[in-house]
PDB file of N, CA and C in Angstrom:
ATOM      1  N   MET A   1     100.641 102.950 178.412  1.00  0.00           N
ATOM      2  CA  MET A   1     100.220 104.172 177.750  1.00  0.00           C
ATOM      3  C   MET A   1      98.715 104.075 177.476  1.00  0.00           C
ATOM      4  N   LYS A   2      98.013 105.110 177.832  1.00  0.00           N
ATOM      5  CA  LYS A   2      96.573 105.123 177.639  1.00  0.00           C
ATOM      6  C   LYS A   2      96.231 105.320 176.165  1.00  0.00           C
ATOM      7  N   SER A   3      95.022 104.915 175.823  1.00  0.00           N
ATOM      8  CA  SER A   3      94.604 105.044 174.428  1.00  0.00           C
ATOM      9  C   SER A   3      94.539 106.506 173.997  1.00  0.00           C
ATOM     10  N   ALA A   4      94.233 107.398 174.910  1.00  0.00           N
ATOM     11  CA  ALA A   4      94.196 108.829 174.574  1.00  0.00           C
ATOM     12  C   ALA A   4      95.581 109.329 174.175  1.00  0.00           C
ATOM     13  N   ASN A   5      96.618 108.798 174.814  1.00  0.00           N
ATOM     14  CA  ASN A   5      97.983 109.191 174.445  1.00  0.00           C
ATOM     15  C   ASN A   5      98.337 108.714 173.041  1.00  0.00           C
ATOM     16  N   TYR A   6      97.900 107.504 172.696  1.00  0.00           N
ATOM     17  CA  TYR A   6      98.134 107.008 171.340  1.00  0.00           C
ATOM     18  C   TYR A   6      97.428 107.885 170.309  1.00  0.00           C
ATOM     19  N   ILE A   7      96.194 108.237 170.609  1.00  0.00           N
ATOM     20  CA  ILE A   7      95.425 109.068 169.682  1.00  0.00           C
ATOM     21  C   ILE A   7      96.080 110.437 169.519  1.00  0.00           C
ATOM     22  N   MET A   8      96.498 111.032 170.616  1.00  0.00           N
ATOM     23  CA  MET A   8      97.135 112.350 170.550  1.00  0.00           C
ATOM     24  C   MET A   8      98.468 112.294 169.802  1.00  0.00           C
ATOM     25  N   SER A   9      99.225 111.217 170.010  1.00  0.00           N
ATOM     26  CA  SER A   9     100.501 111.113 169.297  1.00  0.00           C
ATOM     27  C   SER A   9     100.282 110.947 167.794  1.00  0.00           C
ATOM     28  N   TRP A  10      99.263 110.178 167.401  1.00  0.00           N
ATOM     29  CA  TRP A  10      98.979 110.024 165.977  1.00  0.00           C
ATOM     30  C   TRP A  10      98.444 111.318 165.377  1.00  0.00           C
ATOM     31  N   LEU A  11      97.643 112.047 166.133  1.00  0.00           N
ATOM     32  CA  LEU A  11      97.164 113.343 165.639  1.00  0.00           C
ATOM     33  C   LEU A  11      98.317 114.326 165.479  1.00  0.00           C
ATOM     34  N   PHE A  12      99.245 114.308 166.424  1.00  0.00           N
ATOM     35  CA  PHE A  12     100.424 115.165 166.308  1.00  0.00           C
ATOM     36  C   PHE A  12     101.259 114.761 165.099  1.00  0.00           C
ATOM     37  N   PHE A  13     101.428 113.461 164.881  1.00  0.00           N
ATOM     38  CA  PHE A  13     102.164 112.965 163.722  1.00  0.00           C
ATOM     39  C   PHE A  13     101.499 113.422 162.423  1.00  0.00           C
ATOM     40  N   ALA A  14     100.182 113.305 162.355  1.00  0.00           N
ATOM     41  CA  ALA A  14      99.460 113.713 161.149  1.00  0.00           C
ATOM     42  C   ALA A  14      99.537 115.228 160.936  1.00  0.00           C
ATOM     43  N   ALA A  15      99.396 115.995 162.011  1.00  0.00           N
ATOM     44  CA  ALA A  15      99.456 117.454 161.889  1.00  0.00           C
ATOM     45  C   ALA A  15     100.852 117.918 161.475  1.00  0.00           C
ATOM     46  N   SER A  16     101.882 117.283 162.022  1.00  0.00           N
ATOM     47  CA  SER A  16     103.243 117.668 161.632  1.00  0.00           C
ATOM     48  C   SER A  16     103.508 117.288 160.181  1.00  0.00           C
ATOM     49  N   TYR A  17     102.924 116.180 159.714  1.00  0.00           N
ATOM     50  CA  TYR A  17     103.085 115.803 158.307  1.00  0.00           C
ATOM     51  C   TYR A  17     102.410 116.828 157.393  1.00  0.00           C
ATOM     52  N   VAL A  18     101.230 117.251 157.754  1.00  0.00           N
ATOM     53  CA  VAL A  18     100.521 118.249 156.935  1.00  0.00           C
ATOM     54  C   VAL A  18     101.307 119.554 156.905  1.00  0.00           C
ATOM     55  N   LEU A  19     101.847 119.954 158.045  1.00  0.00           N
ATOM     56  CA  LEU A  19     102.648 121.179 158.103  1.00  0.00           C
ATOM     57  C   LEU A  19     103.906 121.054 157.238  1.00  0.00           C
ATOM     58  N   LEU A  20     104.613 119.942 157.370  1.00  0.00           N
ATOM     59  CA  LEU A  20     105.827 119.751 156.568  1.00  0.00           C
ATOM     60  C   LEU A  20     105.506 119.628 155.082  1.00  0.00           C
ATOM     61  N   TYR A  21     104.393 118.987 154.764  1.00  0.00           N
ATOM     62  CA  TYR A  21     103.985 118.883 153.361  1.00  0.00           C
ATOM     63  C   TYR A  21     103.740 120.274 152.776  1.00  0.00           C
ATOM     64  N   GLY A  22     103.054 121.106 153.518  1.00  0.00           N
ATOM     65  CA  GLY A  22     102.810 122.477 153.048  1.00  0.00           C
ATOM     66  C   GLY A  22     104.092 123.260 152.872  1.00  0.00           C
ATOM     67  N   LEU A  23     105.020 123.105 153.817  1.00  0.00           N
ATOM     68  CA  LEU A  23     106.296 123.814 153.710  1.00  0.00           C
ATOM     69  C   LEU A  23     107.123 123.315 152.525  1.00  0.00           C
ATOM     70  N   VAL A  24     107.176 122.005 152.342  1.00  0.00           N
ATOM     71  CA  VAL A  24     107.937 121.458 151.209  1.00  0.00           C
ATOM     72  C   VAL A  24     107.297 121.900 149.894  1.00  0.00           C
ATOM     73  N   PHE A  25     105.969 121.855 149.830  1.00  0.00           N
ATOM     74  CA  PHE A  25     105.292 122.265 148.598  1.00  0.00           C
ATOM     75  C   PHE A  25     105.522 123.740 148.304  1.00  0.00           C
ATOM     76  N   ALA A  26     105.571 124.564 149.343  1.00  0.00           N
ATOM     77  CA  ALA A  26     105.740 126.009 149.147  1.00  0.00           C
ATOM     78  C   ALA A  26     107.176 126.381 148.799  1.00  0.00           C
ATOM     79  N   PHE A  27     108.152 125.671 149.370  1.00  0.00           N
ATOM     80  CA  PHE A  27     109.536 126.108 149.227  1.00  0.00           C
ATOM     81  C   PHE A  27     110.422 125.203 148.373  1.00  0.00           C
ATOM     82  N   PHE A  28     109.936 124.033 147.964  1.00  0.00           N
ATOM     83  CA  PHE A  28     110.749 123.158 147.113  1.00  0.00           C
ATOM     84  C   PHE A  28     110.665 123.668 145.674  1.00  0.00           C
ATOM     85  N   PRO A  29     111.802 124.028 145.092  1.00  0.00           N
ATOM     86  CA  PRO A  29     111.771 124.640 143.761  1.00  0.00           C
ATOM     87  C   PRO A  29     111.464 123.623 142.652  1.00  0.00           C
ATOM     88  N   GLU A  30     110.347 123.835 141.991  1.00  0.00           N
ATOM     89  CA  GLU A  30     109.948 122.932 140.915  1.00  0.00           C
ATOM     90  C   GLU A  30     110.908 123.036 139.728  1.00  0.00           C
ATOM     91  N   GLY A  31     111.439 124.232 139.496  1.00  0.00           N
ATOM     92  CA  GLY A  31     112.386 124.427 138.396  1.00  0.00           C
ATOM     93  C   GLY A  31     113.668 123.633 138.580  1.00  0.00           C
ATOM     94  N   TRP A  32     114.142 123.543 139.819  1.00  0.00           N
ATOM     95  CA  TRP A  32     115.353 122.773 140.090  1.00  0.00           C
ATOM     96  C   TRP A  32     115.121 121.298 139.785  1.00  0.00           C
ATOM     97  N   LEU A  33     113.968 120.769 140.206  1.00  0.00           N
ATOM     98  CA  LEU A  33     113.656 119.367 139.929  1.00  0.00           C
ATOM     99  C   LEU A  33     113.469 119.147 138.431  1.00  0.00           C
ATOM    100  N   TRP A  34     112.889 120.117 137.747  1.00  0.00           N
ATOM    101  CA  TRP A  34     112.707 120.009 136.295  1.00  0.00           C
ATOM    102  C   TRP A  34     114.062 119.925 135.591  1.00  0.00           C
ATOM    103  N   ASP A  35     115.017 120.750 136.022  1.00  0.00           N
ATOM    104  CA  ASP A  35     116.357 120.704 135.428  1.00  0.00           C
ATOM    105  C   ASP A  35     117.008 119.345 135.649  1.00  0.00           C
ATOM    106  N   ARG A  36     116.848 118.769 136.853  1.00  0.00           N
ATOM    107  CA  ARG A  36     117.433 117.446 137.135  1.00  0.00           C
ATOM    108  C   ARG A  36     116.757 116.353 136.309  1.00  0.00           C
ATOM    109  N   ALA A  37     115.442 116.464 136.147  1.00  0.00           N
ATOM    110  CA  ALA A  37     114.716 115.468 135.367  1.00  0.00           C
ATOM    111  C   ALA A  37     115.109 115.544 133.893  1.00  0.00           C
ATOM    112  N   ARG A  38     115.336 116.731 133.386  1.00  0.00           N
ATOM    113  CA  ARG A  38     115.708 116.891 131.972  1.00  0.00           C
ATOM    114  C   ARG A  38     117.122 116.385 131.698  1.00  0.00           C
ATOM    115  N   GLN A  39     117.973 116.311 132.714  1.00  0.00           N
ATOM    116  CA  GLN A  39     119.310 115.752 132.515  1.00  0.00           C
ATOM    117  C   GLN A  39     119.245 114.265 132.204  1.00  0.00           C
ATOM    118  N   PHE A  40     118.281 113.564 132.801  1.00  0.00           N
ATOM    119  CA  PHE A  40     118.212 112.116 132.646  1.00  0.00           C
ATOM    120  C   PHE A  40     117.159 111.665 131.644  1.00  0.00           C
ATOM    121  N   HIS A  41     116.192 112.516 131.341  1.00  0.00           N
ATOM    122  CA  HIS A  41     115.129 112.154 130.414  1.00  0.00           C
ATOM    123  C   HIS A  41     114.989 113.276 129.389  1.00  0.00           C
ATOM    124  N   THR A  42     115.474 113.030 128.194  1.00  0.00           N
ATOM    125  CA  THR A  42     115.473 114.089 127.179  1.00  0.00           C
ATOM    126  C   THR A  42     114.206 114.096 126.338  1.00  0.00           C
ATOM    127  N   GLY A  43     113.363 113.093 126.472  1.00  0.00           N
ATOM    128  CA  GLY A  43     112.126 113.050 125.703  1.00  0.00           C
ATOM    129  C   GLY A  43     111.070 113.986 126.259  1.00  0.00           C
ATOM    130  N   PHE A  44     109.905 113.956 125.622  1.00  0.00           N
ATOM    131  CA  PHE A  44     108.801 114.822 126.018  1.00  0.00           C
ATOM    132  C   PHE A  44     108.154 114.289 127.289  1.00  0.00           C
ATOM    133  N   ILE A  45     107.918 115.161 128.246  1.00  0.00           N
ATOM    134  CA  ILE A  45     107.192 114.813 129.468  1.00  0.00           C
ATOM    135  C   ILE A  45     105.925 115.653 129.480  1.00  0.00           C
ATOM    136  N   ASP A  46     104.770 114.983 129.378  1.00  0.00           N
ATOM    137  CA  ASP A  46     103.529 115.756 129.363  1.00  0.00           C
ATOM    138  C   ASP A  46     103.203 116.276 130.760  1.00  0.00           C
ATOM    139  N   GLU A  47     102.259 117.196 130.820  1.00  0.00           N
ATOM    140  CA  GLU A  47     101.968 117.908 132.065  1.00  0.00           C
ATOM    141  C   GLU A  47     101.461 116.978 133.168  1.00  0.00           C
ATOM    142  N   GLY A  48     100.608 116.030 132.819  1.00  0.00           N
ATOM    143  CA  GLY A  48     100.077 115.105 133.816  1.00  0.00           C
ATOM    144  C   GLY A  48     101.156 114.234 134.431  1.00  0.00           C
ATOM    145  N   THR A  49     102.058 113.749 133.595  1.00  0.00           N
ATOM    146  CA  THR A  49     103.163 112.930 134.095  1.00  0.00           C
ATOM    147  C   THR A  49     104.079 113.753 134.979  1.00  0.00           C
ATOM    148  N   TRP A  50     104.377 114.990 134.562  1.00  0.00           N
ATOM    149  CA  TRP A  50     105.236 115.840 135.375  1.00  0.00           C
ATOM    150  C   TRP A  50     104.600 116.146 136.719  1.00  0.00           C
ATOM    151  N   ASN A  51     103.288 116.414 136.742  1.00  0.00           N
ATOM    152  CA  ASN A  51     102.605 116.667 138.011  1.00  0.00           C
ATOM    153  C   ASN A  51     102.685 115.452 138.931  1.00  0.00           C
ATOM    154  N   ASP A  52     102.535 114.242 138.355  1.00  0.00           N
ATOM    155  CA  ASP A  52     102.656 113.023 139.158  1.00  0.00           C
ATOM    156  C   ASP A  52     104.062 112.879 139.735  1.00  0.00           C
ATOM    157  N   ILE A  53     105.068 113.152 138.929  1.00  0.00           N
ATOM    158  CA  ILE A  53     106.452 113.041 139.397  1.00  0.00           C
ATOM    159  C   ILE A  53     106.721 114.060 140.500  1.00  0.00           C
ATOM    160  N   TYR A  54     106.339 115.306 140.264  1.00  0.00           N
ATOM    161  CA  TYR A  54     106.613 116.365 141.229  1.00  0.00           C
ATOM    162  C   TYR A  54     105.893 116.118 142.554  1.00  0.00           C
ATOM    163  N   MET A  55     104.618 115.763 142.484  1.00  0.00           N
ATOM    164  CA  MET A  55     103.870 115.540 143.720  1.00  0.00           C
ATOM    165  C   MET A  55     104.381 114.313 144.468  1.00  0.00           C
ATOM    166  N   SER A  56     104.825 113.285 143.757  1.00  0.00           N
ATOM    167  CA  SER A  56     105.400 112.111 144.414  1.00  0.00           C
ATOM    168  C   SER A  56     106.670 112.486 145.162  1.00  0.00           C
ATOM    169  N   VAL A  57     107.496 113.311 144.545  1.00  0.00           N
ATOM    170  CA  VAL A  57     108.731 113.757 145.200  1.00  0.00           C
ATOM    171  C   VAL A  57     108.403 114.596 146.427  1.00  0.00           C
ATOM    172  N   VAL A  58     107.433 115.484 146.324  1.00  0.00           N
ATOM    173  CA  VAL A  58     107.051 116.327 147.455  1.00  0.00           C
ATOM    174  C   VAL A  58     106.491 115.475 148.594  1.00  0.00           C
ATOM    175  N   LEU A  59     105.638 114.514 148.273  1.00  0.00           N
ATOM    176  CA  LEU A  59     105.056 113.656 149.304  1.00  0.00           C
ATOM    177  C   LEU A  59     106.118 112.824 150.013  1.00  0.00           C
ATOM    178  N   VAL A  60     107.034 112.230 149.258  1.00  0.00           N
ATOM    179  CA  VAL A  60     108.076 111.400 149.857  1.00  0.00           C
ATOM    180  C   VAL A  60     109.039 112.255 150.674  1.00  0.00           C
ATOM    181  N   LEU A  61     109.398 113.416 150.167  1.00  0.00           N
ATOM    182  CA  LEU A  61     110.299 114.298 150.902  1.00  0.00           C
ATOM    183  C   LEU A  61     109.665 114.766 152.218  1.00  0.00           C
ATOM    184  N   ALA A  62     108.381 115.103 152.189  1.00  0.00           N
ATOM    185  CA  ALA A  62     107.686 115.495 153.417  1.00  0.00           C
ATOM    186  C   ALA A  62     107.606 114.324 154.394  1.00  0.00           C
ATOM    187  N   LEU A  63     107.391 113.122 153.889  1.00  0.00           N
ATOM    188  CA  LEU A  63     107.342 111.949 154.761  1.00  0.00           C
ATOM    189  C   LEU A  63     108.696 111.687 155.408  1.00  0.00           C
ATOM    190  N   LEU A  64     109.765 111.778 154.640  1.00  0.00           N
ATOM    191  CA  LEU A  64     111.105 111.567 155.198  1.00  0.00           C
ATOM    192  C   LEU A  64     111.446 112.634 156.243  1.00  0.00           C
ATOM    193  N   LEU A  65     111.121 113.879 155.959  1.00  0.00           N
ATOM    194  CA  LEU A  65     111.362 114.941 156.932  1.00  0.00           C
ATOM    195  C   LEU A  65     110.542 114.736 158.211  1.00  0.00           C
ATOM    196  N   ASN A  66     109.317 114.252 158.045  1.00  0.00           N
ATOM    197  CA  ASN A  66     108.475 113.997 159.210  1.00  0.00           C
ATOM    198  C   ASN A  66     109.027 112.838 160.038  1.00  0.00           C
ATOM    199  N   ILE A  67     109.530 111.799 159.399  1.00  0.00           N
ATOM    200  CA  ILE A  67     110.125 110.679 160.124  1.00  0.00           C
ATOM    201  C   ILE A  67     111.344 111.157 160.908  1.00  0.00           C
ATOM    202  N   ILE A  68     112.180 111.955 160.281  1.00  0.00           N
ATOM    203  CA  ILE A  68     113.369 112.481 160.963  1.00  0.00           C
ATOM    204  C   ILE A  68     112.955 113.370 162.131  1.00  0.00           C
ATOM    205  N   PHE A  69     111.965 114.226 161.919  1.00  0.00           N
ATOM    206  CA  PHE A  69     111.483 115.105 162.980  1.00  0.00           C
ATOM    207  C   PHE A  69     110.940 114.309 164.158  1.00  0.00           C
ATOM    208  N   MET A  70     110.112 113.304 163.888  1.00  0.00           N
ATOM    209  CA  MET A  70     109.543 112.500 164.966  1.00  0.00           C
ATOM    210  C   MET A  70     110.624 111.707 165.695  1.00  0.00           C
ATOM    211  N   PHE A  71     111.592 111.183 164.961  1.00  0.00           N
ATOM    212  CA  PHE A  71     112.683 110.444 165.592  1.00  0.00           C
ATOM    213  C   PHE A  71     113.479 111.347 166.533  1.00  0.00           C
ATOM    214  N   LEU A  72     113.812 112.534 166.079  1.00  0.00           N
ATOM    215  CA  LEU A  72     114.550 113.465 166.930  1.00  0.00           C
ATOM    216  C   LEU A  72     113.723 113.902 168.141  1.00  0.00           C
ATOM    217  N   LEU A  73     112.456 114.180 167.928  1.00  0.00           N
ATOM    218  CA  LEU A  73     111.588 114.599 169.017  1.00  0.00           C
ATOM    219  C   LEU A  73     111.454 113.499 170.068  1.00  0.00           C
ATOM    220  N   LEU A  74     111.219 112.280 169.632  1.00  0.00           N
ATOM    221  CA  LEU A  74     111.074 111.178 170.582  1.00  0.00           C
ATOM    222  C   LEU A  74     112.391 110.852 171.271  1.00  0.00           C
ATOM    223  N   SER A  75     113.507 111.039 170.583  1.00  0.00           N
ATOM    224  CA  SER A  75     114.809 110.834 171.223  1.00  0.00           C
ATOM    225  C   SER A  75     115.045 111.860 172.333  1.00  0.00           C
ATOM    226  N   VAL A  76     114.683 113.094 172.088  1.00  0.00           N
ATOM    227  CA  VAL A  76     114.836 114.130 173.109  1.00  0.00           C
ATOM    228  C   VAL A  76     113.922 113.847 174.293  1.00  0.00           C
ATOM    229  N   ILE A  77     112.687 113.468 174.024  1.00  0.00           N
ATOM    230  CA  ILE A  77     111.749 113.160 175.107  1.00  0.00           C
ATOM    231  C   ILE A  77     112.261 111.986 175.935  1.00  0.00           C
ATOM    232  N   ARG A  78     112.760 110.951 175.285  1.00  0.00           N
ATOM    233  CA  ARG A  78     113.295 109.798 176.002  1.00  0.00           C
ATOM    234  C   ARG A  78     114.509 110.187 176.839  1.00  0.00           C
ATOM    235  N   HIS A  79     115.355 111.040 176.289  1.00  0.00           N
ATOM    236  CA  HIS A  79     116.542 111.486 177.013  1.00  0.00           C
ATOM    237  C   HIS A  79     116.158 112.311 178.253  1.00  0.00           C
ATOM    238  N   VAL A  80     115.172 113.186 178.112  1.00  0.00           N
ATOM    239  CA  VAL A  80     114.720 114.005 179.237  1.00  0.00           C
ATOM    240  C   VAL A  80     114.084 113.128 180.312  1.00  0.00           C
ATOM    241  N   LYS A  81     113.276 112.154 179.919  1.00  0.00           N
ATOM    242  CA  LYS A  81     112.656 111.263 180.898  1.00  0.00           C
ATOM    243  C   LYS A  81     113.699 110.429 181.628  1.00  0.00           C
ATOM    244  N   ARG A  82     114.710 109.990 180.917  1.00  0.00           N
ATOM    245  CA  ARG A  82     115.762 109.185 181.521  1.00  0.00           C
ATOM    246  C   ARG A  82     116.556 110.027 182.520  1.00  0.00           C
ATOM    247  N   LYS A  83     116.845 111.261 182.164  1.00  0.00           N
ATOM    248  CA  LYS A  83     117.569 112.148 183.065  1.00  0.00           C
ATOM    249  C   LYS A  83     116.740 112.497 184.289  1.00  0.00           C
ATOM    250  N   ARG A  84     115.456 112.690 184.100  1.00  0.00           N
ATOM    251  CA  ARG A  84     114.576 113.059 185.190  1.00  0.00           C
ATOM    252  C   ARG A  84     114.436 111.923 186.197  1.00  0.00           C
ATOM    253  N   SER A  85     114.497 110.665 185.725  1.00  0.00           N
ATOM    254  CA  SER A  85     114.330 109.530 186.629  1.00  0.00           C
ATOM    255  C   SER A  85     115.586 109.272 187.463  1.00  0.00           C
ATOM    256  N   LEU A  86     116.721 109.845 187.079  1.00  0.00           N
ATOM    257  CA  LEU A  86     117.957 109.642 187.852  1.00  0.00           C
ATOM    258  C   LEU A  86     118.025 110.468 189.065  1.00  0.00           C
TER     259      LEU A  86
END
């Protein structure tokens, strides 16, 4: 694999992560997570701590979705290449 292919694959990985991060941030309901957090932590949560918790969840969720997306995409590409070589 040429170095240009590695660079393009990493750029695609980064771009898909940014896209998924934006989608998760736009559509992940903060109120739902707040309700779940209040079930387990009844004390006061200040705004800075809550922002850290929420953004950490959004970042990890976007990363997991990106890993799943890349795994599925690479599996399909490998399957197509294998079929084409037969």
